[in-house]
Every structure is written in structure tokens, then in C-alpha cells.
Amino acid sequence: MTGQRIGYIRVSTFDQNPERQLEGVKVDRAFSDKASGKDVKRPQLEAL
């Protein structure tokens, strides 16, 4: 059985590039949210 590498990315503003956080990292699946630090609703994190 092989494991999956899963990445989670959060950026706080819509003009930030979330892909930069995973540059050079190999993942099978990536989840990302665009939310401020005070926002506790992060649907993609909950999807993990």
C-alpha cells in the first residue's frame, strides 16, 4: 500500500499566489483556501 502526499495551502488575499507555497513539493492532491487569518471557515481544510 502506498501513501498519498496531500498539501494544504492558505493565502489571506485573493492576489496572493497559493501555488508558490508548494513550489518544489510533490503532492498527489492539493487543497487551498483563500481566507484571512481571523476567518475560521476553511472548507478545503475541512474536506481533508
C-alpha atoms as a PDB file:
ATOM      1  CA  MET A   1       0.000   0.000   0.000  1.00  0.00           C
ATOM      2  CA  THR A   2       1.360   3.412  -0.893  1.00  0.00           C
ATOM      3  CA  GLY A   3       0.527   6.640   0.867  1.00  0.00           C
ATOM      4  CA  GLN A   4      -0.628   9.858  -0.666  1.00  0.00           C
ATOM      5  CA  ARG A   5       1.066  13.197  -0.218  1.00  0.00           C
ATOM      6  CA  ILE A   6      -1.540  15.837   0.407  1.00  0.00           C
ATOM      7  CA  GLY A   7      -0.829  19.547   0.517  1.00  0.00           C
ATOM      8  CA  TYR A   8      -2.888  22.279   2.135  1.00  0.00           C
ATOM      9  CA  ILE A   9      -2.426  25.917   1.181  1.00  0.00           C
ATOM     10  CA  ARG A  10      -3.978  29.014   2.713  1.00  0.00           C
ATOM     11  CA  VAL A  11      -3.476  32.538   1.494  1.00  0.00           C
ATOM     12  CA  SER A  12      -5.083  35.562   3.041  1.00  0.00           C
ATOM     13  CA  THR A  13      -5.717  37.717  -0.010  1.00  0.00           C
ATOM     14  CA  PHE A  14      -7.015  36.936  -3.462  1.00  0.00           C
ATOM     15  CA  ASP A  15      -3.989  38.477  -5.175  1.00  0.00           C
ATOM     16  CA  GLN A  16      -1.545  36.097  -3.464  1.00  0.00           C
ATOM     17  CA  ASN A  17      -0.361  33.065  -5.414  1.00  0.00           C
ATOM     18  CA  PRO A  18      -1.124  29.859  -3.476  1.00  0.00           C
ATOM     19  CA  GLU A  19       0.937  27.665  -5.805  1.00  0.00           C
ATOM     20  CA  ARG A  20       4.137  29.341  -4.609  1.00  0.00           C
ATOM     21  CA  GLN A  21       3.712  27.620  -1.242  1.00  0.00           C
ATOM     22  CA  LEU A  22       4.061  24.209  -2.876  1.00  0.00           C
ATOM     23  CA  GLU A  23       6.826  25.014  -5.373  1.00  0.00           C
ATOM     24  CA  GLY A  24       9.251  22.113  -5.466  1.00  0.00           C
ATOM     25  CA  VAL A  25       6.967  19.875  -3.405  1.00  0.00           C
ATOM     26  CA  LYS A  26       5.417  16.810  -4.986  1.00  0.00           C
ATOM     27  CA  VAL A  27       1.867  16.146  -3.854  1.00  0.00           C
ATOM     28  CA  ASP A  28      -0.832  13.828  -5.120  1.00  0.00           C
ATOM     29  CA  ARG A  29      -3.619  16.209  -4.121  1.00  0.00           C
ATOM     30  CA  ALA A  30      -3.650  19.848  -3.102  1.00  0.00           C
ATOM     31  CA  PHE A  31      -6.335  21.767  -1.265  1.00  0.00           C
ATOM     32  CA  SER A  32      -6.333  25.543  -0.955  1.00  0.00           C
ATOM     33  CA  ASP A  33      -8.350  28.204   0.798  1.00  0.00           C
ATOM     34  CA  LYS A  34      -8.273  31.955   0.364  1.00  0.00           C
ATOM     35  CA  ALA A  35      -9.279  33.370   3.723  1.00  0.00           C
ATOM     36  CA  SER A  36      -7.999  35.838   6.281  1.00  0.00           C
ATOM     37  CA  GLY A  37      -6.343  34.614   9.444  1.00  0.00           C
ATOM     38  CA  LYS A  38      -9.355  35.592  11.542  1.00  0.00           C
ATOM     39  CA  ASP A  39     -11.758  33.652   9.314  1.00  0.00           C
ATOM     40  CA  VAL A  40     -12.303  30.237  10.884  1.00  0.00           C
ATOM     41  CA  LYS A  41     -14.265  28.804   7.949  1.00  0.00           C
ATOM     42  CA  ARG A  42     -11.858  26.915   5.734  1.00  0.00           C
ATOM     43  CA  PRO A  43     -13.869  24.499   3.588  1.00  0.00           C
ATOM     44  CA  GLN A  44     -10.899  22.869   1.865  1.00  0.00           C
ATOM     45  CA  LEU A  45      -9.190  22.161   5.185  1.00  0.00           C
ATOM     46  CA  GLU A  46     -12.398  20.564   6.422  1.00  0.00           C
ATOM     47  CA  ALA A  47     -12.537  18.476   3.226  1.00  0.00           C
ATOM     48  CA  LEU A  48      -9.293  16.779   4.196  1.00  0.00           C
END
